[in-house]
């Protein structure tokens, strides 16, 4: 049995998820103490404070499980990332339907754990667009079917490995 392929996340996203996970784990004793304190108030059937503390615990444990799953099934390594080829972890510049004024720049990676760069859209390699451009080279034109059924052509202008420093500098200059 082969191990499932890991999804790409940026190093920044990994760091933020790890920080959030550590904070949630460190908060567990606080939530447990709140539950115990509310439990001591008496009748649990009519104890809104107890219910709220239990709900907080359920939500935080669900988020811990979600982050753990993301981190377990992801990587910051870009296998065979090559300049000029659209890979997972690449920033791709494209235009649509042969209209060079209809441009977009995006990262190919996992949407749920995407780059913290709010100006850089992220598409999963399993999305129609992501799957269509994966492996395409600069100058290639690909087609995919949008969720509404329309067939869209996309031309690769350039593709480059994601560089957090470069995009941080670009964001700072735009501010």
N, C-alpha and C. Protein backbone atom coordinates (compact mmCIF):
# COMPACT_ATOMS: atom_id res chain seq x y z
N UNK A 1 0.85 -1.18 0.00
CA UNK A 1 0.00 0.00 0.00
C UNK A 1 0.89 1.24 0.00
N UNK A 2 0.63 2.17 -0.90
CA UNK A 2 1.44 3.37 -0.99
C UNK A 2 0.87 4.46 -0.09
N UNK A 3 1.76 5.28 0.40
CA UNK A 3 1.35 6.39 1.26
C UNK A 3 0.74 7.48 0.40
N UNK A 4 -0.36 8.13 0.85
CA UNK A 4 -0.97 9.19 0.05
C UNK A 4 0.01 10.35 -0.16
N UNK A 5 -0.13 11.00 -1.33
CA UNK A 5 0.74 12.12 -1.64
C UNK A 5 0.42 13.29 -0.72
N UNK A 6 1.45 13.92 -0.21
CA UNK A 6 1.26 15.05 0.70
C UNK A 6 0.95 16.30 -0.10
N UNK A 7 0.14 17.17 0.49
CA UNK A 7 -0.25 18.43 -0.13
C UNK A 7 0.77 19.50 0.25
N UNK A 8 1.02 20.43 -0.66
CA UNK A 8 1.98 21.51 -0.41
C UNK A 8 1.33 22.62 0.40
N UNK A 9 2.05 23.10 1.43
CA UNK A 9 1.71 24.34 2.12
C UNK A 9 2.98 25.17 2.22
N UNK A 10 2.82 26.47 2.29
CA UNK A 10 3.98 27.34 2.38
C UNK A 10 4.61 27.21 3.77
N UNK A 11 5.90 27.51 3.88
CA UNK A 11 6.54 27.48 5.20
C UNK A 11 5.86 28.42 6.20
N UNK A 12 5.39 29.56 5.74
CA UNK A 12 4.70 30.51 6.62
C UNK A 12 3.43 29.91 7.17
N UNK A 13 2.67 29.24 6.29
CA UNK A 13 1.42 28.61 6.71
C UNK A 13 1.70 27.52 7.73
N UNK A 14 2.73 26.73 7.49
CA UNK A 14 3.09 25.67 8.43
C UNK A 14 3.41 26.27 9.80
N UNK A 15 4.21 27.34 9.82
CA UNK A 15 4.57 27.99 11.07
C UNK A 15 3.34 28.50 11.80
N UNK A 16 2.42 29.14 11.08
CA UNK A 16 1.21 29.68 11.71
C UNK A 16 0.32 28.56 12.26
N UNK A 17 0.20 27.48 11.51
CA UNK A 17 -0.60 26.35 11.98
C UNK A 17 0.02 25.72 13.23
N UNK A 18 1.34 25.58 13.24
CA UNK A 18 2.01 25.02 14.41
C UNK A 18 1.83 25.93 15.62
N UNK A 19 1.91 27.25 15.43
CA UNK A 19 1.70 28.19 16.54
C UNK A 19 0.27 28.09 17.07
N UNK A 20 -0.70 28.01 16.15
CA UNK A 20 -2.10 27.89 16.57
C UNK A 20 -2.32 26.58 17.32
N UNK A 21 -1.76 25.50 16.81
CA UNK A 21 -1.90 24.19 17.46
C UNK A 21 -1.31 24.22 18.87
N UNK A 22 -0.11 24.78 19.01
CA UNK A 22 0.52 24.86 20.33
C UNK A 22 -0.30 25.71 21.30
N UNK A 23 -0.88 26.80 20.81
CA UNK A 23 -1.72 27.65 21.67
C UNK A 23 -2.98 26.92 22.11
N UNK A 24 -3.59 26.18 21.20
CA UNK A 24 -4.79 25.42 21.54
C UNK A 24 -4.48 24.32 22.56
N UNK A 25 -3.38 23.64 22.37
CA UNK A 25 -2.99 22.58 23.31
C UNK A 25 -2.69 23.18 24.69
N UNK A 26 -2.01 24.33 24.70
CA UNK A 26 -1.70 24.99 25.97
C UNK A 26 -2.97 25.49 26.67
N UNK A 27 -4.03 25.74 25.89
CA UNK A 27 -5.28 26.26 26.45
C UNK A 27 -6.16 25.15 27.03
N UNK A 28 -5.85 23.89 26.75
CA UNK A 28 -6.67 22.77 27.25
C UNK A 28 -6.89 22.81 28.75
N UNK A 29 -5.85 23.02 29.57
CA UNK A 29 -6.08 23.04 31.03
C UNK A 29 -7.01 24.16 31.48
N UNK A 30 -6.97 25.28 30.78
CA UNK A 30 -7.86 26.40 31.12
C UNK A 30 -9.31 26.01 30.87
N UNK A 31 -9.56 25.37 29.74
CA UNK A 31 -10.92 24.94 29.41
C UNK A 31 -11.38 23.86 30.38
N UNK A 32 -10.51 22.92 30.69
CA UNK A 32 -10.86 21.86 31.64
C UNK A 32 -11.20 22.45 33.01
N UNK A 33 -10.42 23.43 33.46
CA UNK A 33 -10.69 24.08 34.74
C UNK A 33 -12.03 24.80 34.71
N UNK A 34 -12.34 25.44 33.59
CA UNK A 34 -13.63 26.13 33.44
C UNK A 34 -14.79 25.14 33.52
N UNK A 35 -14.63 24.01 32.86
CA UNK A 35 -15.67 22.98 32.90
C UNK A 35 -15.87 22.49 34.34
N UNK A 36 -14.77 22.21 35.03
CA UNK A 36 -14.86 21.74 36.43
C UNK A 36 -15.51 22.78 37.32
N UNK A 37 -15.15 24.04 37.13
CA UNK A 37 -15.72 25.13 37.94
C UNK A 37 -17.22 25.22 37.71
N UNK A 38 -17.62 25.14 36.45
CA UNK A 38 -19.07 25.24 36.13
C UNK A 38 -19.83 24.00 36.61
N UNK A 39 -19.15 22.85 36.57
CA UNK A 39 -19.78 21.60 37.02
C UNK A 39 -20.11 21.70 38.51
N UNK A 40 -19.26 22.36 39.28
CA UNK A 40 -19.46 22.50 40.73
C UNK A 40 -20.61 23.44 41.10
N UNK A 41 -21.11 24.16 40.11
CA UNK A 41 -22.22 25.09 40.37
C UNK A 41 -23.53 24.37 40.61
N UNK A 42 -23.56 23.10 40.24
CA UNK A 42 -24.79 22.35 40.51
C UNK A 42 -25.40 21.76 39.26
N UNK A 43 -26.71 21.80 39.19
CA UNK A 43 -27.52 21.16 38.15
C UNK A 43 -26.98 21.48 36.75
N UNK A 44 -26.52 20.44 36.05
CA UNK A 44 -25.93 20.63 34.72
C UNK A 44 -26.98 20.83 33.64
N UNK A 45 -28.22 20.45 33.90
CA UNK A 45 -29.28 20.59 32.89
C UNK A 45 -29.61 22.05 32.59
N UNK A 46 -29.41 22.91 33.59
CA UNK A 46 -29.75 24.32 33.42
C UNK A 46 -28.53 25.21 33.69
N UNK A 47 -27.36 24.75 33.28
CA UNK A 47 -26.13 25.47 33.56
C UNK A 47 -25.53 25.95 32.24
N UNK A 48 -25.86 27.18 31.85
CA UNK A 48 -25.40 27.74 30.57
C UNK A 48 -23.88 27.87 30.54
N UNK A 49 -23.27 28.21 31.68
CA UNK A 49 -21.82 28.34 31.73
C UNK A 49 -21.13 27.01 31.45
N UNK A 50 -21.68 25.93 32.00
CA UNK A 50 -21.13 24.60 31.76
C UNK A 50 -21.27 24.23 30.28
N UNK A 51 -22.46 24.48 29.73
CA UNK A 51 -22.70 24.18 28.31
C UNK A 51 -21.75 24.96 27.40
N UNK A 52 -21.53 26.23 27.74
CA UNK A 52 -20.63 27.06 26.92
C UNK A 52 -19.19 26.55 27.01
N UNK A 53 -18.76 26.16 28.20
CA UNK A 53 -17.39 25.64 28.36
C UNK A 53 -17.21 24.32 27.61
N UNK A 54 -18.20 23.46 27.66
CA UNK A 54 -18.13 22.17 26.93
C UNK A 54 -18.12 22.43 25.41
N UNK A 55 -18.92 23.39 24.97
CA UNK A 55 -18.95 23.72 23.54
C UNK A 55 -17.59 24.26 23.09
N UNK A 56 -16.98 25.10 23.92
CA UNK A 56 -15.65 25.62 23.61
C UNK A 56 -14.66 24.46 23.51
N UNK A 57 -14.75 23.51 24.43
CA UNK A 57 -13.85 22.37 24.41
C UNK A 57 -14.02 21.55 23.13
N UNK A 58 -15.25 21.32 22.73
CA UNK A 58 -15.53 20.55 21.51
C UNK A 58 -14.96 21.28 20.29
N UNK A 59 -15.19 22.59 20.21
CA UNK A 59 -14.69 23.37 19.07
C UNK A 59 -13.17 23.38 19.01
N UNK A 60 -12.53 23.57 20.17
CA UNK A 60 -11.06 23.60 20.18
C UNK A 60 -10.46 22.23 19.86
N UNK A 61 -11.07 21.17 20.36
CA UNK A 61 -10.57 19.82 20.05
C UNK A 61 -10.75 19.51 18.56
N UNK A 62 -11.85 19.98 17.97
CA UNK A 62 -12.06 19.77 16.53
C UNK A 62 -11.00 20.52 15.73
N UNK A 63 -10.67 21.74 16.15
CA UNK A 63 -9.64 22.51 15.45
C UNK A 63 -8.27 21.86 15.62
N UNK A 64 -7.98 21.33 16.81
CA UNK A 64 -6.72 20.62 17.03
C UNK A 64 -6.63 19.43 16.07
N UNK A 65 -7.71 18.68 15.95
CA UNK A 65 -7.73 17.52 15.05
C UNK A 65 -7.54 17.97 13.59
N UNK A 66 -8.20 19.06 13.20
CA UNK A 66 -8.09 19.57 11.84
C UNK A 66 -6.66 20.00 11.53
N UNK A 67 -6.06 20.77 12.41
CA UNK A 67 -4.68 21.24 12.18
C UNK A 67 -3.72 20.07 12.15
N UNK A 68 -3.89 19.13 13.07
CA UNK A 68 -3.02 17.95 13.10
C UNK A 68 -3.11 17.18 11.79
N UNK A 69 -4.31 17.04 11.26
CA UNK A 69 -4.50 16.33 9.98
C UNK A 69 -3.82 17.09 8.85
N UNK A 70 -3.98 18.41 8.82
CA UNK A 70 -3.36 19.22 7.78
C UNK A 70 -1.84 19.07 7.83
N UNK A 71 -1.27 19.20 9.03
CA UNK A 71 0.18 19.12 9.17
C UNK A 71 0.71 17.72 8.85
N UNK A 72 -0.04 16.71 9.22
CA UNK A 72 0.37 15.33 8.94
C UNK A 72 0.36 15.04 7.44
N UNK A 73 -0.59 15.62 6.73
CA UNK A 73 -0.77 15.33 5.31
C UNK A 73 -0.21 16.40 4.39
N UNK A 74 0.72 17.22 4.91
CA UNK A 74 1.26 18.28 4.08
C UNK A 74 2.78 18.30 4.14
N UNK A 75 3.34 19.07 3.24
CA UNK A 75 4.79 19.24 3.17
C UNK A 75 5.10 20.65 2.69
N UNK A 76 6.26 21.14 3.07
CA UNK A 76 6.73 22.41 2.54
C UNK A 76 7.76 22.16 1.43
N UNK A 77 8.03 20.91 1.17
CA UNK A 77 8.98 20.54 0.12
C UNK A 77 8.28 20.54 -1.23
N UNK A 78 8.93 21.07 -2.21
CA UNK A 78 8.38 21.09 -3.57
C UNK A 78 9.19 20.12 -4.41
N UNK A 79 8.60 18.98 -4.66
CA UNK A 79 9.29 17.97 -5.46
C UNK A 79 9.44 18.47 -6.89
N UNK A 80 10.64 18.44 -7.37
CA UNK A 80 10.94 18.76 -8.77
C UNK A 80 10.44 20.15 -9.18
N UNK A 81 10.44 21.10 -8.25
CA UNK A 81 10.02 22.45 -8.61
C UNK A 81 11.01 23.00 -9.63
N UNK A 82 10.49 23.38 -10.74
CA UNK A 82 11.33 23.81 -11.86
C UNK A 82 10.81 25.14 -12.38
N UNK A 83 11.70 26.06 -12.57
CA UNK A 83 11.33 27.36 -13.14
C UNK A 83 10.71 27.14 -14.50
N UNK A 84 9.56 27.78 -14.75
CA UNK A 84 8.92 27.69 -16.05
C UNK A 84 7.92 26.56 -16.19
N UNK A 85 7.76 25.74 -15.13
CA UNK A 85 6.81 24.62 -15.16
C UNK A 85 5.89 24.75 -13.95
N UNK A 86 4.59 24.58 -14.17
CA UNK A 86 3.60 24.69 -13.10
C UNK A 86 3.60 23.41 -12.27
N UNK A 87 4.08 23.51 -11.03
CA UNK A 87 4.10 22.39 -10.08
C UNK A 87 3.36 22.82 -8.82
N UNK A 88 3.08 21.85 -7.95
CA UNK A 88 2.58 22.18 -6.64
C UNK A 88 3.67 23.01 -5.95
N UNK A 89 3.27 24.15 -5.41
CA UNK A 89 4.24 25.07 -4.80
C UNK A 89 4.74 26.13 -5.76
N UNK A 90 4.17 26.17 -6.96
CA UNK A 90 4.56 27.18 -7.95
C UNK A 90 3.57 28.33 -7.95
N UNK A 91 4.09 29.52 -8.19
CA UNK A 91 3.25 30.68 -8.47
C UNK A 91 3.14 30.75 -9.98
N UNK A 92 1.91 30.75 -10.47
CA UNK A 92 1.65 30.67 -11.91
C UNK A 92 0.96 31.95 -12.37
N UNK A 93 1.46 32.53 -13.44
CA UNK A 93 0.87 33.71 -14.06
C UNK A 93 0.22 33.24 -15.35
N UNK A 94 -1.07 33.52 -15.52
CA UNK A 94 -1.82 33.03 -16.68
C UNK A 94 -2.71 34.12 -17.25
N UNK A 95 -3.23 33.85 -18.45
CA UNK A 95 -4.35 34.63 -18.97
C UNK A 95 -5.37 33.66 -19.53
N UNK A 96 -6.62 34.13 -19.61
CA UNK A 96 -7.74 33.25 -19.94
C UNK A 96 -8.33 33.55 -21.31
N UNK A 97 -8.78 32.49 -21.97
CA UNK A 97 -9.55 32.57 -23.23
C UNK A 97 -8.90 33.48 -24.27
N UNK A 98 -7.59 33.35 -24.41
CA UNK A 98 -6.80 34.09 -25.39
C UNK A 98 -6.88 35.61 -25.23
N UNK A 99 -7.29 36.07 -24.05
CA UNK A 99 -7.41 37.50 -23.76
C UNK A 99 -6.29 37.89 -22.78
N UNK A 100 -5.22 38.47 -23.30
CA UNK A 100 -4.05 38.78 -22.47
C UNK A 100 -4.34 39.83 -21.39
N UNK A 101 -5.48 40.52 -21.50
CA UNK A 101 -5.83 41.48 -20.45
C UNK A 101 -6.58 40.79 -19.30
N UNK A 102 -7.00 39.55 -19.50
CA UNK A 102 -7.72 38.77 -18.48
C UNK A 102 -6.71 37.87 -17.77
N UNK A 103 -5.89 38.49 -16.89
CA UNK A 103 -4.77 37.80 -16.25
C UNK A 103 -5.08 37.42 -14.81
N UNK A 104 -4.34 36.42 -14.33
CA UNK A 104 -4.43 36.03 -12.93
C UNK A 104 -3.09 35.42 -12.51
N UNK A 105 -2.75 35.62 -11.26
CA UNK A 105 -1.58 35.01 -10.67
C UNK A 105 -2.05 34.22 -9.46
N UNK A 106 -1.60 32.97 -9.33
CA UNK A 106 -2.04 32.13 -8.23
C UNK A 106 -0.97 31.12 -7.84
N UNK A 107 -1.14 30.59 -6.64
CA UNK A 107 -0.28 29.55 -6.10
C UNK A 107 -0.99 28.21 -6.26
N UNK A 108 -0.28 27.20 -6.69
CA UNK A 108 -0.86 25.85 -6.71
C UNK A 108 -0.50 25.20 -5.39
N UNK A 109 -1.51 24.87 -4.61
CA UNK A 109 -1.30 24.27 -3.30
C UNK A 109 -2.62 23.94 -2.65
N UNK A 110 -2.60 23.66 -1.37
CA UNK A 110 -3.81 23.30 -0.64
C UNK A 110 -4.52 24.56 -0.18
N UNK A 111 -5.77 24.71 -0.57
CA UNK A 111 -6.53 25.91 -0.20
C UNK A 111 -6.70 26.04 1.30
N UNK A 112 -6.94 24.92 1.98
CA UNK A 112 -7.21 24.97 3.42
C UNK A 112 -5.99 25.44 4.21
N UNK A 113 -4.84 25.27 3.64
CA UNK A 113 -3.62 25.65 4.35
C UNK A 113 -2.75 26.50 3.45
N UNK A 114 -3.37 27.46 2.83
CA UNK A 114 -2.71 28.26 1.80
C UNK A 114 -1.78 29.28 2.39
N UNK A 115 -1.10 29.94 1.51
CA UNK A 115 -0.18 31.01 1.88
C UNK A 115 -0.93 32.08 2.65
N UNK A 116 -0.22 32.72 3.55
CA UNK A 116 -0.83 33.82 4.29
C UNK A 116 -0.83 35.11 3.49
N UNK A 117 -0.41 35.04 2.25
CA UNK A 117 -0.43 36.20 1.36
C UNK A 117 -1.85 36.35 0.83
N UNK A 118 -2.57 37.32 1.35
CA UNK A 118 -3.98 37.51 0.99
C UNK A 118 -4.17 37.95 -0.45
N UNK A 119 -3.10 38.47 -1.07
CA UNK A 119 -3.19 38.93 -2.44
C UNK A 119 -2.91 37.83 -3.45
N UNK A 120 -2.53 36.66 -2.97
CA UNK A 120 -2.17 35.56 -3.86
C UNK A 120 -3.21 34.45 -3.71
N UNK A 121 -4.06 34.31 -4.71
CA UNK A 121 -5.08 33.27 -4.71
C UNK A 121 -4.39 31.91 -4.72
N UNK A 122 -5.02 30.91 -4.12
CA UNK A 122 -4.47 29.56 -4.09
C UNK A 122 -5.49 28.61 -4.68
N UNK A 123 -5.02 27.74 -5.58
CA UNK A 123 -5.87 26.70 -6.16
C UNK A 123 -5.23 25.35 -5.87
N UNK A 124 -6.04 24.42 -5.45
CA UNK A 124 -5.57 23.06 -5.23
C UNK A 124 -5.19 22.44 -6.56
N UNK A 125 -4.21 21.55 -6.51
CA UNK A 125 -3.85 20.83 -7.73
C UNK A 125 -4.95 19.87 -8.15
N UNK A 126 -5.95 19.69 -7.30
CA UNK A 126 -7.07 18.82 -7.64
C UNK A 126 -8.27 19.61 -8.16
N UNK A 127 -8.21 20.94 -8.11
CA UNK A 127 -9.28 21.77 -8.65
C UNK A 127 -9.21 21.68 -10.18
N UNK A 128 -10.29 22.03 -10.86
CA UNK A 128 -10.24 21.97 -12.33
C UNK A 128 -9.09 22.79 -12.92
N UNK A 129 -8.91 24.03 -12.44
CA UNK A 129 -7.82 24.88 -12.95
C UNK A 129 -6.46 24.31 -12.56
N UNK A 130 -6.30 23.97 -11.29
CA UNK A 130 -5.02 23.43 -10.82
C UNK A 130 -4.62 22.18 -11.58
N UNK A 131 -5.57 21.26 -11.76
CA UNK A 131 -5.27 20.01 -12.48
C UNK A 131 -4.92 20.29 -13.94
N UNK A 132 -5.58 21.28 -14.54
CA UNK A 132 -5.33 21.58 -15.96
C UNK A 132 -3.93 22.12 -16.19
N UNK A 133 -3.44 22.96 -15.28
CA UNK A 133 -2.14 23.59 -15.51
C UNK A 133 -0.97 22.81 -14.93
N UNK A 134 -1.24 21.85 -14.08
CA UNK A 134 -0.17 21.08 -13.44
C UNK A 134 0.72 20.42 -14.49
N UNK A 135 1.99 20.74 -14.46
CA UNK A 135 2.95 20.18 -15.41
C UNK A 135 3.08 20.98 -16.69
N UNK A 136 2.24 22.00 -16.86
CA UNK A 136 2.31 22.82 -18.08
C UNK A 136 3.52 23.74 -18.01
N UNK A 137 4.03 24.06 -19.18
CA UNK A 137 5.21 24.93 -19.29
C UNK A 137 4.79 26.31 -19.79
N UNK A 138 5.68 27.28 -19.59
CA UNK A 138 5.43 28.62 -20.10
C UNK A 138 5.08 28.56 -21.57
N UNK A 139 4.02 29.26 -21.95
CA UNK A 139 3.57 29.28 -23.35
C UNK A 139 2.53 28.23 -23.66
N UNK A 140 2.38 27.20 -22.81
CA UNK A 140 1.37 26.16 -23.05
C UNK A 140 -0.02 26.72 -22.83
N UNK A 141 -0.97 26.22 -23.59
CA UNK A 141 -2.38 26.55 -23.40
C UNK A 141 -3.11 25.27 -23.03
N UNK A 142 -3.89 25.34 -21.96
CA UNK A 142 -4.62 24.18 -21.45
C UNK A 142 -6.10 24.52 -21.42
N UNK A 143 -6.92 23.49 -21.32
CA UNK A 143 -8.36 23.69 -21.18
C UNK A 143 -8.85 22.97 -19.94
N UNK A 144 -9.88 23.54 -19.34
CA UNK A 144 -10.56 22.86 -18.24
C UNK A 144 -12.03 23.25 -18.27
N UNK A 145 -12.84 22.45 -17.62
CA UNK A 145 -14.27 22.72 -17.55
C UNK A 145 -14.57 23.31 -16.19
N UNK A 146 -15.11 24.51 -16.20
CA UNK A 146 -15.47 25.20 -14.96
C UNK A 146 -16.69 24.53 -14.35
N UNK A 147 -16.94 24.75 -13.06
CA UNK A 147 -18.11 24.15 -12.41
C UNK A 147 -19.44 24.48 -13.10
N UNK A 148 -19.50 25.61 -13.80
CA UNK A 148 -20.74 25.97 -14.50
C UNK A 148 -20.87 25.28 -15.86
N UNK A 149 -19.86 24.47 -16.22
CA UNK A 149 -19.91 23.72 -17.47
C UNK A 149 -19.18 24.38 -18.63
N UNK A 150 -18.77 25.63 -18.47
CA UNK A 150 -18.04 26.33 -19.53
C UNK A 150 -16.63 25.78 -19.67
N UNK A 151 -16.18 25.63 -20.91
CA UNK A 151 -14.80 25.23 -21.17
C UNK A 151 -13.96 26.50 -21.25
N UNK A 152 -12.91 26.53 -20.47
CA UNK A 152 -12.06 27.72 -20.37
C UNK A 152 -10.65 27.35 -20.81
N UNK A 153 -10.06 28.22 -21.63
CA UNK A 153 -8.65 28.01 -21.99
C UNK A 153 -7.81 28.91 -21.11
N UNK A 154 -6.67 28.39 -20.73
CA UNK A 154 -5.74 29.13 -19.87
C UNK A 154 -4.35 28.98 -20.45
N UNK A 155 -3.66 30.10 -20.62
CA UNK A 155 -2.31 30.11 -21.18
C UNK A 155 -1.33 30.47 -20.08
N UNK A 156 -0.29 29.66 -19.95
CA UNK A 156 0.73 29.89 -18.92
C UNK A 156 1.69 30.96 -19.42
N UNK A 157 1.77 32.07 -18.70
CA UNK A 157 2.72 33.14 -19.02
C UNK A 157 4.06 32.80 -18.36
N UNK A 158 4.01 32.46 -17.07
CA UNK A 158 5.22 32.06 -16.36
C UNK A 158 4.84 31.23 -15.15
N UNK A 159 5.80 30.47 -14.66
CA UNK A 159 5.63 29.67 -13.44
C UNK A 159 6.96 29.67 -12.71
N UNK A 160 6.88 29.90 -11.41
CA UNK A 160 8.11 29.96 -10.61
C UNK A 160 7.83 29.38 -9.23
N UNK A 161 8.83 28.76 -8.62
CA UNK A 161 8.64 28.26 -7.25
C UNK A 161 8.27 29.40 -6.31
N UNK A 162 7.34 29.16 -5.40
CA UNK A 162 6.92 30.17 -4.43
C UNK A 162 8.11 30.59 -3.59
N UNK A 163 8.31 31.87 -3.44
CA UNK A 163 9.39 32.43 -2.63
C UNK A 163 8.76 33.43 -1.66
N UNK A 164 8.66 33.07 -0.40
CA UNK A 164 7.98 33.91 0.58
C UNK A 164 8.62 35.28 0.70
N UNK A 165 9.94 35.36 0.61
CA UNK A 165 10.62 36.65 0.72
C UNK A 165 10.23 37.57 -0.42
N UNK A 166 10.18 37.04 -1.62
CA UNK A 166 9.82 37.83 -2.79
C UNK A 166 8.41 38.40 -2.65
N UNK A 167 7.46 37.56 -2.24
CA UNK A 167 6.08 38.03 -2.15
C UNK A 167 5.86 38.94 -0.94
N UNK A 168 6.63 38.78 0.12
CA UNK A 168 6.57 39.70 1.25
C UNK A 168 7.07 41.08 0.83
N UNK A 169 8.14 41.11 0.05
CA UNK A 169 8.69 42.38 -0.46
C UNK A 169 7.68 43.05 -1.38
N UNK A 170 7.05 42.28 -2.26
CA UNK A 170 6.06 42.84 -3.18
C UNK A 170 4.88 43.43 -2.41
N UNK A 171 4.40 42.74 -1.36
CA UNK A 171 3.29 43.25 -0.55
C UNK A 171 3.68 44.54 0.13
N UNK A 172 4.90 44.60 0.64
CA UNK A 172 5.37 45.81 1.34
C UNK A 172 5.44 46.99 0.38
N UNK A 173 5.86 46.76 -0.85
CA UNK A 173 5.97 47.82 -1.84
C UNK A 173 4.59 48.32 -2.27
N UNK A 174 3.60 47.43 -2.26
CA UNK A 174 2.25 47.81 -2.70
C UNK A 174 1.51 48.58 -1.61
N UNK A 175 1.98 48.46 -0.36
CA UNK A 175 1.30 49.13 0.76
C UNK A 175 1.57 50.61 0.78
